[in-house]
Every structure is written in C-alpha cells, then in structure tokens.
Protein backbone atom coordinates (compact mmCIF):
# COMPACT_ATOMS: atom_id res chain seq x y z
CA MET A 1 241.94 204.60 75.97
CA ILE A 2 237.75 203.83 75.67
CA THR A 3 237.78 204.73 79.75
CA LEU A 4 239.51 207.96 79.01
CA ALA A 5 237.03 208.83 76.46
CA THR A 6 233.98 207.86 78.60
CA ILE A 7 235.24 210.58 81.32
CA VAL A 8 236.28 213.00 79.15
CA VAL A 9 232.90 213.03 77.25
CA TRP A 10 231.27 212.95 81.31
CA ILE A 11 232.04 217.01 81.72
CA PRO A 12 229.95 218.58 79.42
CA LEU A 13 226.66 215.39 79.78
CA ALA A 14 226.91 216.50 83.29
CA TRP A 15 226.07 219.71 82.57
CA TRP A 16 223.54 218.96 80.49
CA ILE A 17 221.60 216.05 82.47
CA ILE A 18 221.33 219.36 84.88
CA ARG A 19 220.17 221.63 82.06
CA ARG A 20 217.22 219.18 80.87
CA GLN A 21 215.73 219.58 84.69
CA PHE A 22 215.12 223.14 84.10
CA VAL A 23 213.97 223.34 80.28
CA LYS A 24 210.52 222.01 78.83
CA GLY A 25 208.90 222.26 75.33
CA GLU A 26 211.11 223.35 71.73
CA ALA A 27 214.14 223.92 73.67
CA LEU A 28 214.24 220.60 76.10
CA SER A 29 213.73 219.09 72.44
CA ARG A 30 216.62 220.93 71.03
CA LEU A 31 218.56 219.80 73.76
CA LYS A 32 217.93 215.95 73.29
CA LYS A 33 218.82 216.70 69.72
CA LYS A 34 222.00 218.06 70.74
CA MET A 35 223.09 215.38 73.71
CA ASP A 36 223.69 212.90 70.76
CA LYS A 37 226.96 215.15 70.30
CA ILE A 38 227.94 213.00 73.33
CA ILE A 39 227.53 209.87 71.02
CA LEU A 40 229.25 211.02 68.12
CA TRP A 41 232.24 212.15 70.24
CA TRP A 42 232.24 208.87 72.06
CA THR A 43 231.76 207.09 68.93
CA GLY A 44 234.39 208.79 67.03
CA HIS A 45 236.98 208.28 69.37
CA ASN A 46 236.72 204.66 69.54
CA ARG A 47 236.68 204.54 65.28
CA TRP A 48 239.74 206.62 65.53
CA MET A 49 241.54 204.01 68.22
CA ILE A 50 240.49 201.21 66.25
CA LYS A 51 242.05 202.78 62.92
CA THR A 52 244.81 204.14 64.62
CA LEU A 53 245.92 201.57 66.78
CA GLY A 54 245.78 199.24 64.31
CA ILE A 55 243.75 196.87 65.92
CA THR A 56 241.80 195.02 63.13
CA GLN A 57 241.61 194.81 59.48
CA PRO A 58 238.16 195.34 58.13
CA GLU A 59 236.75 194.94 54.71
CA ILE A 60 233.55 197.50 54.66
CA THR A 61 230.94 196.87 51.80
CA TRP A 62 228.65 199.60 51.30
CA HIS A 63 225.13 199.19 48.80
CA GLN A 64 223.87 201.62 47.90
CA GLN A 65 225.62 203.87 50.31
CA GLN A 66 224.04 206.99 48.14
CA ASP A 67 220.85 206.11 49.80
CA MET A 68 221.94 206.77 53.84
CA SER A 69 222.21 210.06 55.30
CA ALA A 70 222.67 211.52 58.84
CA ASP A 71 218.99 213.58 58.28
CA ASN A 72 217.15 210.61 58.32
CA TRP A 73 215.34 207.62 60.36
CA TYR A 74 217.05 204.14 59.88
CA LEU A 75 216.33 200.81 61.64
CA VAL A 76 219.29 198.52 61.84
CA ILE A 77 219.40 194.68 61.83
CA SER A 78 222.63 192.62 62.51
CA ASN A 79 223.35 189.75 63.56
CA HIS A 80 225.01 189.46 66.75
CA GLN A 81 227.75 187.05 67.50
CA SER A 82 229.71 189.12 70.83
CA TRP A 83 229.84 192.50 72.49
CA THR A 84 232.25 193.03 69.72
CA ASP A 85 229.39 194.00 67.28
CA ILE A 86 228.20 196.74 68.88
CA LEU A 87 231.52 198.65 68.82
CA LEU A 88 232.07 198.36 65.29
CA LEU A 89 228.38 198.75 64.45
CA GLN A 90 228.39 202.15 66.00
CA SER A 91 232.03 203.01 64.79
CA TYR A 92 231.46 201.57 61.35
CA LEU A 93 227.92 203.50 60.51
CA TYR A 94 229.96 206.60 62.25
CA GLY A 95 229.08 209.49 60.01
CA VAL A 96 227.18 208.22 57.44
CA ILE A 97 223.66 207.48 59.49
CA PRO A 98 222.65 208.81 62.77
CA PRO A 99 224.02 207.59 66.19
CA LEU A 100 222.86 204.71 66.97
CA LYS A 101 219.99 203.57 69.62
CA PHE A 102 219.28 200.32 71.04
CA PHE A 103 216.71 198.90 73.93
CA THR A 104 218.62 198.03 76.67
CA LYS A 105 218.07 195.85 79.81
CA GLU A 106 217.09 197.72 83.13
CA GLN A 107 219.75 196.34 85.00
CA LEU A 108 222.29 198.01 83.07
CA ILE A 109 220.83 201.36 84.48
CA TRP A 110 223.07 200.45 87.90
CA VAL A 111 226.22 200.06 86.01
CA PRO A 112 228.25 203.26 87.02
CA GLY A 113 228.47 206.04 85.18
CA VAL A 114 227.52 204.10 81.86
CA GLY A 115 223.56 203.10 83.08
CA LEU A 116 222.64 206.96 84.07
CA ALA A 117 224.50 207.87 81.05
CA MET A 118 222.63 205.76 78.21
CA TYR A 119 219.45 206.66 80.05
CA VAL A 120 219.60 210.58 79.41
CA LEU A 121 221.06 209.47 76.14
CA GLY A 122 217.63 208.38 74.97
CA PHE A 123 218.59 204.36 75.17
CA PRO A 124 215.36 202.62 76.41
CA TYR A 125 215.35 201.03 78.88
CA VAL A 126 213.25 197.15 78.92
CA LYS A 127 211.52 195.44 81.62
CA ARG A 128 210.82 192.18 80.59
CA ALA A 129 207.91 190.02 82.13
CA THR A 130 208.11 186.64 82.92
CA LYS A 131 204.70 184.30 82.05
CA ALA A 132 204.13 183.83 86.14
CA GLN A 133 204.38 187.54 86.40
CA ILE A 134 201.94 187.59 83.21
CA LYS A 135 199.93 185.34 84.37
CA ALA A 136 199.21 187.22 87.92
CA ASN A 137 198.72 189.93 86.14
CA PRO A 138 197.62 189.76 82.21
CA LYS A 139 197.64 193.79 81.97
CA LEU A 140 201.63 193.29 81.36
CA ARG A 141 200.98 190.88 78.27
CA ASN A 142 201.14 194.15 76.18
CA ALA A 143 204.24 195.90 78.68
CA ASP A 144 206.59 195.23 75.75
CA ARG A 145 204.56 196.70 73.47
CA GLU A 146 204.04 199.78 75.06
CA ASN A 147 207.14 200.47 76.53
CA THR A 148 208.15 200.39 72.51
CA ALA A 149 205.61 202.63 71.21
CA ALA A 150 206.94 205.24 74.69
CA ALA A 151 210.25 204.55 73.53
CA CYS A 152 209.41 205.41 69.40
CA GLU A 153 207.47 208.33 70.52
CA GLY A 154 210.87 209.76 72.05
CA PHE A 155 213.03 208.49 69.03
CA LYS A 156 211.34 211.27 66.59
CA ASN A 157 212.64 213.86 68.49
CA HIS A 158 215.20 214.20 65.85
CA PRO A 159 216.79 212.04 63.00
CA THR A 160 217.88 208.52 65.20
CA SER A 161 219.63 204.82 63.88
CA ILE A 162 217.18 201.99 66.16
CA LEU A 163 219.45 198.84 66.69
CA ASN A 164 217.66 195.65 66.66
CA PHE A 165 219.55 192.52 67.00
CA VAL A 166 216.71 189.98 66.05
CA GLU A 167 217.97 186.82 67.12
CA GLY A 168 217.33 188.10 70.85
CA THR A 169 220.74 186.68 71.99
CA ARG A 170 224.50 186.58 71.07
CA ARG A 171 224.77 183.68 68.58
CA THR A 172 226.90 180.28 70.21
CA ALA A 173 227.04 176.36 69.34
CA GLU A 174 225.21 175.75 72.20
CA LYS A 175 222.21 177.86 71.64
CA GLN A 176 222.36 177.45 67.62
CA ALA A 177 222.03 173.54 68.51
CA ARG A 178 218.96 173.85 70.64
CA GLN A 179 217.49 175.39 67.68
CA GLY A 180 217.90 172.28 65.55
CA ASN A 181 221.00 173.83 63.18
CA GLU A 182 218.25 175.62 61.26
CA TYR A 183 221.00 178.45 60.05
CA ALA A 184 224.85 177.27 59.55
CA TYR A 185 225.75 180.74 60.67
CA LEU A 186 222.63 182.14 62.66
CA LEU A 187 220.07 181.88 65.40
CA ARG A 188 216.42 181.41 64.09
CA PRO A 189 215.24 185.40 63.80
CA LYS A 190 212.21 186.97 66.63
CA ILE A 191 210.06 189.67 64.55
CA GLY A 192 208.14 190.92 67.97
CA GLY A 193 210.62 193.39 69.08
CA LEU A 194 211.17 194.66 65.18
CA ASP A 195 207.29 194.59 64.22
CA TYR A 196 206.43 196.88 67.59
CA VAL A 197 209.18 199.23 66.49
CA LEU A 198 207.90 199.14 62.69
CA GLU A 199 204.92 199.99 64.57
CA GLY A 200 205.60 202.47 66.17
CA MET A 201 208.08 204.45 63.76
CA ASP A 202 205.38 204.13 61.58
CA GLN A 203 206.20 207.18 58.64
CA HIS A 204 209.57 208.16 60.12
CA LEU A 205 211.42 205.44 59.19
CA HIS A 206 213.47 206.14 55.53
CA LYS A 207 215.12 202.90 55.40
CA LEU A 208 216.19 199.67 56.63
CA LEU A 209 219.99 198.93 57.19
CA ASP A 210 220.75 195.25 56.78
CA VAL A 211 223.99 194.99 58.53
CA THR A 212 225.97 191.34 58.03
CA ILE A 213 229.13 190.82 60.68
CA ILE A 214 231.45 188.22 59.93
CA TYR A 215 234.61 186.87 61.82
CA PRO A 216 236.91 185.03 59.34
CA ASP A 217 239.49 183.65 61.86
CA GLY A 218 236.73 182.97 64.85
CA VAL A 219 234.08 185.38 66.63
CA PRO A 220 236.37 186.96 69.45
CA THR A 221 235.54 187.79 72.94
CA PHE A 222 235.25 191.89 73.64
CA TRP A 223 238.69 191.43 75.22
CA ASP A 224 240.32 189.39 72.56
CA PHE A 225 239.24 192.56 69.72
CA LEU A 226 240.49 194.90 72.58
CA GLN A 227 244.05 193.25 72.37
CA GLY A 228 244.24 192.63 68.63
CA LYS A 229 243.26 189.59 68.45
CA CYS A 230 240.62 189.78 65.88
CA ARG A 231 242.36 190.98 62.83
CA ARG A 232 239.94 190.43 60.06
CA VAL A 233 236.34 191.67 60.12
CA VAL A 234 233.82 191.64 56.94
CA PHE A 235 230.84 194.71 57.52
CA GLU A 236 228.75 194.85 55.01
CA VAL A 237 225.52 196.90 54.76
CA THR A 238 222.63 196.44 52.64
CA PRO A 239 219.56 198.64 52.72
CA HIS A 240 216.11 197.84 52.24
CA ASN A 241 212.63 199.77 51.71
CA ILE A 242 210.49 199.72 54.45
CA PRO A 243 208.39 196.49 53.56
CA GLU A 244 204.78 197.08 53.33
CA LEU A 245 202.89 194.39 55.97
CA GLY A 246 199.47 195.35 55.63
CA GLU A 247 197.15 196.76 59.00
CA ASP A 248 195.29 193.67 60.39
CA GLN A 249 198.11 192.90 62.77
CA ALA A 250 197.87 188.74 62.26
CA SER A 251 198.45 189.26 58.38
CA ARG A 252 201.27 192.15 59.43
CA ARG A 253 203.34 189.48 61.76
CA THR A 254 202.81 186.50 59.70
CA ASN A 255 204.14 188.68 56.20
CA LEU A 256 207.03 190.27 58.40
CA ALA A 257 208.38 186.86 59.48
CA GLN A 258 207.99 185.54 56.02
CA TRP A 259 210.24 188.80 55.04
CA VAL A 260 212.72 188.27 57.53
CA LYS A 261 213.21 184.91 57.27
CA ASN A 262 214.08 185.37 53.22
CA LEU A 263 216.36 187.97 54.63
CA TRP A 264 218.17 185.65 57.45
CA GLN A 265 218.32 182.91 55.04
CA ASP A 266 220.30 185.07 51.90
CA LYS A 267 222.25 186.37 55.10
CA ASP A 268 223.23 182.81 56.17
CA GLN A 269 223.99 181.90 52.51
CA ARG A 270 226.29 184.88 52.01
CA ILE A 271 228.41 184.50 55.20
CA SER A 272 228.90 180.64 54.56
CA ALA A 273 230.29 181.84 51.02
CA ALA A 274 232.35 184.52 53.02
CA LEU A 275 234.03 182.16 55.37
CA GLY A 276 234.43 179.25 52.41
CA THR A 277 236.13 181.78 50.26
CA ALA A 278 238.14 182.65 53.19
CA ALA A 279 239.15 179.32 54.21
CA VAL A 280 240.34 178.70 50.50
CA SER A 281 242.58 182.28 50.71
CA ALA A 282 243.99 181.23 53.76
CA ASP A 283 244.83 178.26 52.31
CA ALA A 284 246.53 179.50 49.42
CA GLY A 285 248.74 181.59 51.64
CA THR A 286 246.58 185.18 51.14
CA SER A 287 244.21 187.39 52.32
CA PRO A 288 241.20 188.18 51.08
CA VAL A 289 240.30 190.98 53.48
CA LYS A 290 241.37 194.58 52.68
CA ASP A 291 241.63 197.90 54.88
CA THR A 292 238.63 199.91 53.22
CA ALA A 293 237.45 202.09 56.31
C-alpha cells in the first residue's frame, strides 16, 4: 500500500517538477508551497493505512495542542530508535503542524523515485566532511553550518516543520554502552545541528516540539511494524518556547547544551516511568495503552 501510494503521488509530482524549470520569483514560491501537498497526501495515506489495518494501537498525548497550527514554523526533536519513528512522526503530527522535513544523507538521492522526490520537495541533503578532508581543506570546517543555513532559507518560503534527531543516530544497546550508559533509554544528545537550525531560522520558529516515542513491547524493525508485530506505541508531544541562548557563539552552545541536557534527563525519566508502568500492567493482565488517535 505504501508503494502504491508512492507511485500515485508521482503523477502530479512529475508535472510539478517540470513546471519548476520554467517559473521564477513569486510563482516559484507558490509552487514550492503547493508541492507540500504531495507530502500531505502521502502522509495522510500512511496514517489512514495504519489506523484502518489496525497495525498498532497508539496512545497519543498532546500537551497544549492549542499552541500548534499548520500556519506556523516548528522545530521538532525526538528520540530515535527505529525507521518506524519517521513513519509515526509523519503520521501522528499530520494535520496538526506543517509537514515534516528533515536533513538526510546525500547517498539517498540515488534511491530510485524516493531520492529525487525528497530533493524537489525540500528535504535538504547533507554531505559530511571527514576529519581528513577538513585537514586537507580547512574551508570544509564550516560546511555543515553553511549547508544548514542554505536549507533554512528554503524552509522560510512557507510554514514548515523541521525534524531533528538530536541523538544523531538510532539508539542501540551497543551504542549506549559505548557512551557509558549515561541514560537508561537514550543516547547522549548532540547540539551542533540543532544550534545551526535555531540560528538559521532566526525569528521564524514558533515553538520547539519535543516528541517522545516509546515501544512498550520492544523496539520494532520497520518490517516488524508493517507486519503488525508492534501492537503498542506511546507517543507524547510537548511544546516548548524557543530558548533564549544569547548572542555570543560560545555561550550559545553552552546554554543550548545545558537546556537540551535537562530536556533529555526529563525524557529519560518519563520513558523509565512509562516502561515500568507498562511492565506492571502487563503482569496484571491489563494494557496501559489505548487508541486515542
């Protein structure tokens, strides 16, 4: 069903890609906004599919949902455990805030169909410079900042939600152990990309949304999820005001690092409490999860 939906949305997308080559200025700006409908159609189909087929039973908790609107810009951060996270984030945030866009590895542009679609729909591709490359060409040291700044200019065209997995990678027990198990259910947050987005989006961002995803019965692979083997998902959305970080670059990073660390410690405690509750309820023969989607 996901494959079929992807093929169907390519029909208008192919036409709009051709049109992009011949329009400029305000007309191009309107077309870019219109192309977000492709993301909404695809995401809406996936949400319908998950609910109609009963793939999972989500418990969705919104805090201050009245502060969220499709007419504002948002920075969305979340813990990351599986490719399933992206499907859930797109599906459950659908219709509440603008469609999600995120930075992705440049290699994905070569994936047939998907790579080109993500590129023209405004998903920025990033090229990481290795330490050896930076040593050979010191100008590459600021490549990430410059790429992010360029992407943020594109995001300003119309209301957009920017997704950032601040852990930088999917959490596994092995990765967690390499970090000394600083958190019970999370990896250590990285603030570099987050800082660049906050700086690049300037005053456009309305709120920062902190999403917590919990799999009470164990983290599924994407294929496990599509087979219906992940029966329960806890999904919590909490808005925060954009933190005041100061003007000096060094103090900005220090303040942001502490702010995110506090957020991560609180998230880790909430996940621990939720999984503890889930374990107790399971032993008692009841389920703590209800479908509120």
